[in-house]
Amino acid sequence: PGQQREWVGSIIIGGNTNYANSVKGRFTNSRD
């Protein structure tokens, strides 16, 4: 609320992941 939309993390084809610094080490992306 009251804040801009923030990118959290991504996972690309092949499985490589990237995360925002605010969630690194706490959040994990995976894909089926």
PDB file of all heavy atoms in Angstrom:
ATOM      1  N   PRO A   1       0.822  -1.213   0.000  1.00  0.00           N
ATOM      2  CA  PRO A   1       0.000   0.000   0.000  1.00  0.00           C
ATOM      3  C   PRO A   1       0.856   1.263   0.000  1.00  0.00           C
ATOM      4  O   PRO A   1       1.790   1.397   0.800  1.00  0.00           O
ATOM      5  CB  PRO A   1      -0.817  -0.123   1.283  1.00  0.00           C
ATOM      6  CG  PRO A   1      -0.891  -1.589   1.542  1.00  0.00           C
ATOM      7  CD  PRO A   1       0.434  -2.135   1.091  1.00  0.00           C
ATOM      8  N   GLY A   2       0.545   2.181  -0.907  1.00  0.00           N
ATOM      9  CA  GLY A   2       1.247   3.442  -0.980  1.00  0.00           C
ATOM     10  C   GLY A   2       2.627   3.385  -1.589  1.00  0.00           C
ATOM     11  O   GLY A   2       3.339   4.396  -1.571  1.00  0.00           O
ATOM     12  N   GLN A   3       3.026   2.241  -2.124  1.00  0.00           N
ATOM     13  CA  GLN A   3       4.356   2.085  -2.695  1.00  0.00           C
ATOM     14  C   GLN A   3       4.279   1.649  -4.146  1.00  0.00           C
ATOM     15  O   GLN A   3       3.255   1.149  -4.612  1.00  0.00           O
ATOM     16  CB  GLN A   3       5.176   1.073  -1.890  1.00  0.00           C
ATOM     17  CG  GLN A   3       5.384   1.455  -0.440  1.00  0.00           C
ATOM     18  CD  GLN A   3       6.292   0.485   0.294  1.00  0.00           C
ATOM     19  OE1 GLN A   3       6.936  -0.366  -0.327  1.00  0.00           O
ATOM     20  NE2 GLN A   3       6.351   0.605   1.601  1.00  0.00           N
ATOM     21  N   GLN A   4       5.377   1.850  -4.859  1.00  0.00           N
ATOM     22  CA  GLN A   4       5.464   1.420  -6.242  1.00  0.00           C
ATOM     23  C   GLN A   4       5.625  -0.092  -6.328  1.00  0.00           C
ATOM     24  O   GLN A   4       6.081  -0.742  -5.383  1.00  0.00           O
ATOM     25  CB  GLN A   4       6.629   2.111  -6.946  1.00  0.00           C
ATOM     26  CG  GLN A   4       6.471   3.606  -7.116  1.00  0.00           C
ATOM     27  CD  GLN A   4       7.618   4.215  -7.889  1.00  0.00           C
ATOM     28  OE1 GLN A   4       8.739   3.705  -7.878  1.00  0.00           O
ATOM     29  NE2 GLN A   4       7.344   5.316  -8.579  1.00  0.00           N
ATOM     30  N   ARG A   5       5.251  -0.639  -7.467  1.00  0.00           N
ATOM     31  CA  ARG A   5       5.435  -2.052  -7.706  1.00  0.00           C
ATOM     32  C   ARG A   5       6.922  -2.388  -7.734  1.00  0.00           C
ATOM     33  O   ARG A   5       7.723  -1.660  -8.329  1.00  0.00           O
ATOM     34  CB  ARG A   5       4.776  -2.457  -9.019  1.00  0.00           C
ATOM     35  CG  ARG A   5       4.775  -3.959  -9.272  1.00  0.00           C
ATOM     36  CD  ARG A   5       3.981  -4.287 -10.520  1.00  0.00           C
ATOM     37  NE  ARG A   5       4.567  -3.698 -11.702  1.00  0.00           N
ATOM     38  CZ  ARG A   5       3.945  -3.578 -12.870  1.00  0.00           C
ATOM     39  NH1 ARG A   5       2.689  -3.994 -12.995  1.00  0.00           N
ATOM     40  NH2 ARG A   5       4.573  -3.030 -13.904  1.00  0.00           N
ATOM     41  N   GLU A   6       7.286  -3.479  -7.102  1.00  0.00           N
ATOM     42  CA  GLU A   6       8.671  -3.889  -6.943  1.00  0.00           C
ATOM     43  C   GLU A   6       8.885  -5.266  -7.547  1.00  0.00           C
ATOM     44  O   GLU A   6       8.103  -6.189  -7.295  1.00  0.00           O
ATOM     45  CB  GLU A   6       9.035  -3.912  -5.450  1.00  0.00           C
ATOM     46  CG  GLU A   6      10.421  -4.437  -5.134  1.00  0.00           C
ATOM     47  CD  GLU A   6      10.641  -4.655  -3.645  1.00  0.00           C
ATOM     48  OE1 GLU A   6       9.641  -4.823  -2.913  1.00  0.00           O
ATOM     49  OE2 GLU A   6      11.805  -4.653  -3.207  1.00  0.00           O
ATOM     50  N   TRP A   7       9.927  -5.409  -8.320  1.00  0.00           N
ATOM     51  CA  TRP A   7      10.330  -6.710  -8.806  1.00  0.00           C
ATOM     52  C   TRP A   7      10.914  -7.542  -7.667  1.00  0.00           C
ATOM     53  O   TRP A   7      11.745  -7.055  -6.899  1.00  0.00           O
ATOM     54  CB  TRP A   7      11.359  -6.559  -9.931  1.00  0.00           C
ATOM     55  CG  TRP A   7      11.986  -7.836 -10.364  1.00  0.00           C
ATOM     56  CD1 TRP A   7      11.427  -8.829 -11.110  1.00  0.00           C
ATOM     57  CD2 TRP A   7      13.320  -8.265 -10.076  1.00  0.00           C
ATOM     58  NE1 TRP A   7      12.330  -9.853 -11.311  1.00  0.00           N
ATOM     59  CE2 TRP A   7      13.501  -9.527 -10.688  1.00  0.00           C
ATOM     60  CE3 TRP A   7      14.386  -7.701  -9.369  1.00  0.00           C
ATOM     61  CZ2 TRP A   7      14.692 -10.242 -10.616  1.00  0.00           C
ATOM     62  CZ3 TRP A   7      15.582  -8.402  -9.298  1.00  0.00           C
ATOM     63  CH2 TRP A   7      15.720  -9.654  -9.914  1.00  0.00           C
ATOM     64  N   VAL A   8      10.482  -8.792  -7.558  1.00  0.00           N
ATOM     65  CA  VAL A   8      10.905  -9.668  -6.477  1.00  0.00           C
ATOM     66  C   VAL A   8      11.943 -10.681  -6.950  1.00  0.00           C
ATOM     67  O   VAL A   8      12.988 -10.867  -6.319  1.00  0.00           O
ATOM     68  CB  VAL A   8       9.701 -10.403  -5.861  1.00  0.00           C
ATOM     69  CG1 VAL A   8      10.149 -11.414  -4.806  1.00  0.00           C
ATOM     70  CG2 VAL A   8       8.722  -9.401  -5.255  1.00  0.00           C
ATOM     71  N   GLY A   9      11.649 -11.372  -8.043  1.00  0.00           N
ATOM     72  CA  GLY A   9      12.556 -12.384  -8.542  1.00  0.00           C
ATOM     73  C   GLY A   9      12.074 -12.949  -9.851  1.00  0.00           C
ATOM     74  O   GLY A   9      10.912 -12.784 -10.229  1.00  0.00           O
ATOM     75  N   SER A  10      12.980 -13.631 -10.555  1.00  0.00           N
ATOM     76  CA  SER A  10      12.677 -14.213 -11.852  1.00  0.00           C
ATOM     77  C   SER A  10      13.354 -15.558 -11.992  1.00  0.00           C
ATOM     78  O   SER A  10      14.387 -15.816 -11.364  1.00  0.00           O
ATOM     79  CB  SER A  10      13.143 -13.307 -12.999  1.00  0.00           C
ATOM     80  OG  SER A  10      12.565 -12.023 -12.931  1.00  0.00           O
ATOM     81  N   ILE A  11      12.768 -16.387 -12.822  1.00  0.00           N
ATOM     82  CA  ILE A  11      13.392 -17.633 -13.235  1.00  0.00           C
ATOM     83  C   ILE A  11      13.171 -17.767 -14.728  1.00  0.00           C
ATOM     84  O   ILE A  11      12.057 -17.602 -15.228  1.00  0.00           O
ATOM     85  CB  ILE A  11      12.849 -18.837 -12.439  1.00  0.00           C
ATOM     86  CG1 ILE A  11      13.572 -20.121 -12.845  1.00  0.00           C
ATOM     87  CG2 ILE A  11      11.347 -18.970 -12.581  1.00  0.00           C
ATOM     88  CD1 ILE A  11      13.316 -21.271 -11.873  1.00  0.00           C
ATOM     89  N   ILE A  12      14.245 -18.045 -15.456  1.00  0.00           N
ATOM     90  CA  ILE A  12      14.176 -18.098 -16.907  1.00  0.00           C
ATOM     91  C   ILE A  12      14.200 -19.545 -17.375  1.00  0.00           C
ATOM     92  O   ILE A  12      14.428 -20.474 -16.598  1.00  0.00           O
ATOM     93  CB  ILE A  12      15.316 -17.302 -17.563  1.00  0.00           C
ATOM     94  CG1 ILE A  12      16.676 -17.936 -17.245  1.00  0.00           C
ATOM     95  CG2 ILE A  12      15.283 -15.850 -17.098  1.00  0.00           C
ATOM     96  CD1 ILE A  12      17.827 -17.284 -17.990  1.00  0.00           C
ATOM     97  N   ILE A  13      13.941 -19.716 -18.653  1.00  0.00           N
ATOM     98  CA  ILE A  13      14.003 -21.049 -19.230  1.00  0.00           C
ATOM     99  C   ILE A  13      15.408 -21.607 -19.017  1.00  0.00           C
ATOM    100  O   ILE A  13      16.411 -20.923 -19.201  1.00  0.00           O
ATOM    101  CB  ILE A  13      13.613 -21.012 -20.722  1.00  0.00           C
ATOM    102  CG1 ILE A  13      13.385 -22.416 -21.267  1.00  0.00           C
ATOM    103  CG2 ILE A  13      14.648 -20.257 -21.548  1.00  0.00           C
ATOM    104  CD1 ILE A  13      12.708 -22.417 -22.627  1.00  0.00           C
ATOM    105  N   GLY A  14      15.472 -22.845 -18.547  1.00  0.00           N
ATOM    106  CA  GLY A  14      16.734 -23.428 -18.146  1.00  0.00           C
ATOM    107  C   GLY A  14      16.961 -23.419 -16.652  1.00  0.00           C
ATOM    108  O   GLY A  14      17.820 -24.160 -16.156  1.00  0.00           O
ATOM    109  N   GLY A  15      16.225 -22.577 -15.920  1.00  0.00           N
ATOM    110  CA  GLY A  15      16.228 -22.636 -14.475  1.00  0.00           C
ATOM    111  C   GLY A  15      17.038 -21.594 -13.734  1.00  0.00           C
ATOM    112  O   GLY A  15      17.010 -21.566 -12.500  1.00  0.00           O
ATOM    113  N   ASN A  16      17.774 -20.720 -14.429  1.00  0.00           N
ATOM    114  CA  ASN A  16      18.547 -19.695 -13.736  1.00  0.00           C
ATOM    115  C   ASN A  16      17.619 -18.699 -13.053  1.00  0.00           C
ATOM    116  O   ASN A  16      16.583 -18.319 -13.602  1.00  0.00           O
ATOM    117  CB  ASN A  16      19.469 -18.964 -14.699  1.00  0.00           C
ATOM    118  CG  ASN A  16      20.628 -19.820 -15.145  1.00  0.00           C
ATOM    119  OD1 ASN A  16      20.956 -20.822 -14.508  1.00  0.00           O
ATOM    120  ND2 ASN A  16      21.260 -19.433 -16.239  1.00  0.00           N
ATOM    121  N   THR A  17      18.007 -18.252 -11.866  1.00  0.00           N
ATOM    122  CA  THR A  17      17.179 -17.365 -11.062  1.00  0.00           C
ATOM    123  C   THR A  17      17.907 -16.081 -10.723  1.00  0.00           C
ATOM    124  O   THR A  17      19.142 -16.028 -10.684  1.00  0.00           O
ATOM    125  CB  THR A  17      16.744 -18.039  -9.753  1.00  0.00           C
ATOM    126  OG1 THR A  17      17.903 -18.453  -9.016  1.00  0.00           O
ATOM    127  CG2 THR A  17      15.873 -19.251 -10.037  1.00  0.00           C
ATOM    128  N   ASN A  18      17.116 -15.029 -10.463  1.00  0.00           N
ATOM    129  CA  ASN A  18      17.614 -13.747  -9.986  1.00  0.00           C
ATOM    130  C   ASN A  18      16.628 -13.207  -8.970  1.00  0.00           C
ATOM    131  O   ASN A  18      15.419 -13.434  -9.091  1.00  0.00           O
ATOM    132  CB  ASN A  18      17.790 -12.743 -11.124  1.00  0.00           C
ATOM    133  CG  ASN A  18      18.909 -13.113 -12.064  1.00  0.00           C
ATOM    134  OD1 ASN A  18      20.075 -12.924 -11.758  1.00  0.00           O
ATOM    135  ND2 ASN A  18      18.553 -13.663 -13.223  1.00  0.00           N
ATOM    136  N   TYR A  19      17.140 -12.462  -7.978  1.00  0.00           N
ATOM    137  CA  TYR A  19      16.306 -11.967  -6.890  1.00  0.00           C
ATOM    138  C   TYR A  19      16.656 -10.537  -6.545  1.00  0.00           C
ATOM    139  O   TYR A  19      17.796 -10.097  -6.688  1.00  0.00           O
ATOM    140  CB  TYR A  19      16.480 -12.824  -5.632  1.00  0.00           C
ATOM    141  CG  TYR A  19      16.152 -14.277  -5.830  1.00  0.00           C
ATOM    142  CD1 TYR A  19      17.156 -15.193  -6.120  1.00  0.00           C
ATOM    143  CD2 TYR A  19      14.848 -14.727  -5.733  1.00  0.00           C
ATOM    144  CE1 TYR A  19      16.863 -16.528  -6.307  1.00  0.00           C
ATOM    145  CE2 TYR A  19      14.547 -16.062  -5.920  1.00  0.00           C
ATOM    146  CZ  TYR A  19      15.557 -16.960  -6.206  1.00  0.00           C
ATOM    147  OH  TYR A  19      15.258 -18.285  -6.390  1.00  0.00           O
ATOM    148  N   ALA A  20      15.644  -9.820  -6.045  1.00  0.00           N
ATOM    149  CA  ALA A  20      15.895  -8.519  -5.456  1.00  0.00           C
ATOM    150  C   ALA A  20      16.704  -8.687  -4.179  1.00  0.00           C
ATOM    151  O   ALA A  20      16.579  -9.689  -3.466  1.00  0.00           O
ATOM    152  CB  ALA A  20      14.577  -7.809  -5.161  1.00  0.00           C
ATOM    153  N   ASN A  21      17.533  -7.693  -3.882  1.00  0.00           N
ATOM    154  CA  ASN A  21      18.364  -7.775  -2.683  1.00  0.00           C
ATOM    155  C   ASN A  21      17.530  -7.934  -1.409  1.00  0.00           C
ATOM    156  O   ASN A  21      17.971  -8.583  -0.452  1.00  0.00           O
ATOM    157  CB  ASN A  21      19.253  -6.543  -2.568  1.00  0.00           C
ATOM    158  CG  ASN A  21      20.365  -6.536  -3.590  1.00  0.00           C
ATOM    159  OD1 ASN A  21      20.806  -7.581  -4.057  1.00  0.00           O
ATOM    160  ND2 ASN A  21      20.832  -5.346  -3.943  1.00  0.00           N
ATOM    161  N   SER A  22      16.336  -7.377  -1.398  1.00  0.00           N
ATOM    162  CA  SER A  22      15.509  -7.409  -0.210  1.00  0.00           C
ATOM    163  C   SER A  22      15.019  -8.809   0.148  1.00  0.00           C
ATOM    164  O   SER A  22      14.603  -9.038   1.288  1.00  0.00           O
ATOM    165  CB  SER A  22      14.308  -6.473  -0.374  1.00  0.00           C
ATOM    166  OG  SER A  22      13.531  -6.835  -1.499  1.00  0.00           O
ATOM    167  N   VAL A  23      15.064  -9.749  -0.806  1.00  0.00           N
ATOM    168  CA  VAL A  23      14.551 -11.092  -0.551  1.00  0.00           C
ATOM    169  C   VAL A  23      15.599 -12.176  -0.734  1.00  0.00           C
ATOM    170  O   VAL A  23      15.296 -13.357  -0.477  1.00  0.00           O
ATOM    171  CB  VAL A  23      13.327 -11.405  -1.431  1.00  0.00           C
ATOM    172  CG1 VAL A  23      12.253 -10.339  -1.258  1.00  0.00           C
ATOM    173  CG2 VAL A  23      13.725 -11.547  -2.896  1.00  0.00           C
ATOM    174  N   LYS A  24      16.808 -11.828  -1.145  1.00  0.00           N
ATOM    175  CA  LYS A  24      17.845 -12.831  -1.342  1.00  0.00           C
ATOM    176  C   LYS A  24      18.103 -13.607  -0.056  1.00  0.00           C
ATOM    177  O   LYS A  24      18.195 -13.038   1.024  1.00  0.00           O
ATOM    178  CB  LYS A  24      19.143 -12.170  -1.808  1.00  0.00           C
ATOM    179  CG  LYS A  24      19.167 -11.784  -3.272  1.00  0.00           C
ATOM    180  CD  LYS A  24      20.518 -11.198  -3.651  1.00  0.00           C
ATOM    181  CE  LYS A  24      20.559 -10.841  -5.128  1.00  0.00           C
ATOM    182  NZ  LYS A  24      21.853 -10.218  -5.502  1.00  0.00           N
ATOM    183  N   GLY A  25      18.204 -14.912  -0.204  1.00  0.00           N
ATOM    184  CA  GLY A  25      18.432 -15.775   0.938  1.00  0.00           C
ATOM    185  C   GLY A  25      17.176 -16.199   1.657  1.00  0.00           C
ATOM    186  O   GLY A  25      17.237 -17.097   2.505  1.00  0.00           O
ATOM    187  N   ARG A  26      16.050 -15.564   1.354  1.00  0.00           N
ATOM    188  CA  ARG A  26      14.785 -15.892   2.003  1.00  0.00           C
ATOM    189  C   ARG A  26      13.750 -16.453   1.035  1.00  0.00           C
ATOM    190  O   ARG A  26      12.958 -17.323   1.413  1.00  0.00           O
ATOM    191  CB  ARG A  26      14.203 -14.661   2.700  1.00  0.00           C
ATOM    192  CG  ARG A  26      15.101 -14.073   3.780  1.00  0.00           C
ATOM    193  CD  ARG A  26      14.390 -12.985   4.571  1.00  0.00           C
ATOM    194  NE  ARG A  26      14.006 -11.855   3.733  1.00  0.00           N
ATOM    195  CZ  ARG A  26      12.753 -11.460   3.531  1.00  0.00           C
ATOM    196  NH1 ARG A  26      11.739 -12.097   4.122  1.00  0.00           N
ATOM    197  NH2 ARG A  26      12.495 -10.413   2.759  1.00  0.00           N
ATOM    198  N   PHE A  27      13.726 -15.947  -0.195  1.00  0.00           N
ATOM    199  CA  PHE A  27      12.753 -16.373  -1.200  1.00  0.00           C
ATOM    200  C   PHE A  27      13.444 -17.227  -2.252  1.00  0.00           C
ATOM    201  O   PHE A  27      14.611 -16.985  -2.599  1.00  0.00           O
ATOM    202  CB  PHE A  27      12.116 -15.174  -1.899  1.00  0.00           C
ATOM    203  CG  PHE A  27      11.190 -14.348  -1.041  1.00  0.00           C
ATOM    204  CD1 PHE A  27      11.101 -14.533   0.331  1.00  0.00           C
ATOM    205  CD2 PHE A  27      10.400 -13.371  -1.632  1.00  0.00           C
ATOM    206  CE1 PHE A  27      10.257 -13.767   1.113  1.00  0.00           C
ATOM    207  CE2 PHE A  27       9.548 -12.595  -0.864  1.00  0.00           C
ATOM    208  CZ  PHE A  27       9.474 -12.791   0.504  1.00  0.00           C
ATOM    209  N   THR A  28      12.710 -18.196  -2.809  1.00  0.00           N
ATOM    210  CA  THR A  28      13.252 -19.077  -3.827  1.00  0.00           C
ATOM    211  C   THR A  28      12.226 -19.291  -4.932  1.00  0.00           C
ATOM    212  O   THR A  28      11.090 -19.676  -4.659  1.00  0.00           O
ATOM    213  CB  THR A  28      13.652 -20.442  -3.246  1.00  0.00           C
ATOM    214  OG1 THR A  28      14.604 -20.260  -2.195  1.00  0.00           O
ATOM    215  CG2 THR A  28      14.271 -21.314  -4.333  1.00  0.00           C
ATOM    216  N   ASN A  29      12.632 -19.038  -6.171  1.00  0.00           N
ATOM    217  CA  ASN A  29      11.812 -19.337  -7.343  1.00  0.00           C
ATOM    218  C   ASN A  29      12.102 -20.743  -7.842  1.00  0.00           C
ATOM    219  O   ASN A  29      13.255 -21.193  -7.837  1.00  0.00           O
ATOM    220  CB  ASN A  29      12.107 -18.358  -8.477  1.00  0.00           C
ATOM    221  CG  ASN A  29      11.353 -17.060  -8.372  1.00  0.00           C
ATOM    222  OD1 ASN A  29      10.139 -17.050  -8.163  1.00  0.00           O
ATOM    223  ND2 ASN A  29      12.064 -15.949  -8.526  1.00  0.00           N
ATOM    224  N   SER A  30      11.060 -21.414  -8.287  1.00  0.00           N
ATOM    225  CA  SER A  30      11.219 -22.679  -8.979  1.00  0.00           C
ATOM    226  C   SER A  30      10.119 -22.796 -10.018  1.00  0.00           C
ATOM    227  O   SER A  30       9.109 -22.096  -9.945  1.00  0.00           O
ATOM    228  CB  SER A  30      11.193 -23.864  -8.009  1.00  0.00           C
ATOM    229  OG  SER A  30       9.947 -23.942  -7.340  1.00  0.00           O
ATOM    230  N   ARG A  31      10.314 -23.675 -10.988  1.00  0.00           N
ATOM    231  CA  ARG A  31       9.311 -23.829 -12.031  1.00  0.00           C
ATOM    232  C   ARG A  31       9.138 -25.285 -12.395  1.00  0.00           C
ATOM    233  O   ARG A  31      10.076 -26.084 -12.353  1.00  0.00           O
ATOM    234  CB  ARG A  31       9.659 -22.993 -13.276  1.00  0.00           C
ATOM    235  CG  ARG A  31      10.979 -23.328 -13.947  1.00  0.00           C
ATOM    236  CD  ARG A  31      11.333 -22.284 -15.017  1.00  0.00           C
ATOM    237  NE  ARG A  31      10.470 -22.375 -16.190  1.00  0.00           N
ATOM    238  CZ  ARG A  31      10.461 -21.488 -17.188  1.00  0.00           C
ATOM    239  NH1 ARG A  31      11.255 -20.420 -17.136  1.00  0.00           N
ATOM    240  NH2 ARG A  31       9.657 -21.649 -18.223  1.00  0.00           N
ATOM    241  N   ASP A  32       7.911 -25.622 -12.743  1.00  0.00           N
ATOM    242  CA  ASP A  32       7.539 -26.927 -13.238  1.00  0.00           C
ATOM    243  C   ASP A  32       7.144 -26.722 -14.689  1.00  0.00           C
ATOM    244  O   ASP A  32       6.013 -26.339 -14.992  1.00  0.00           O
ATOM    245  CB  ASP A  32       6.391 -27.510 -12.416  1.00  0.00           C
ATOM    246  CG  ASP A  32       5.944 -28.865 -12.906  1.00  0.00           C
ATOM    247  OD1 ASP A  32       6.458 -29.357 -13.926  1.00  0.00           O
ATOM    248  OD2 ASP A  32       5.050 -29.455 -12.245  1.00  0.00           O
TER     249      ASP A  32
END
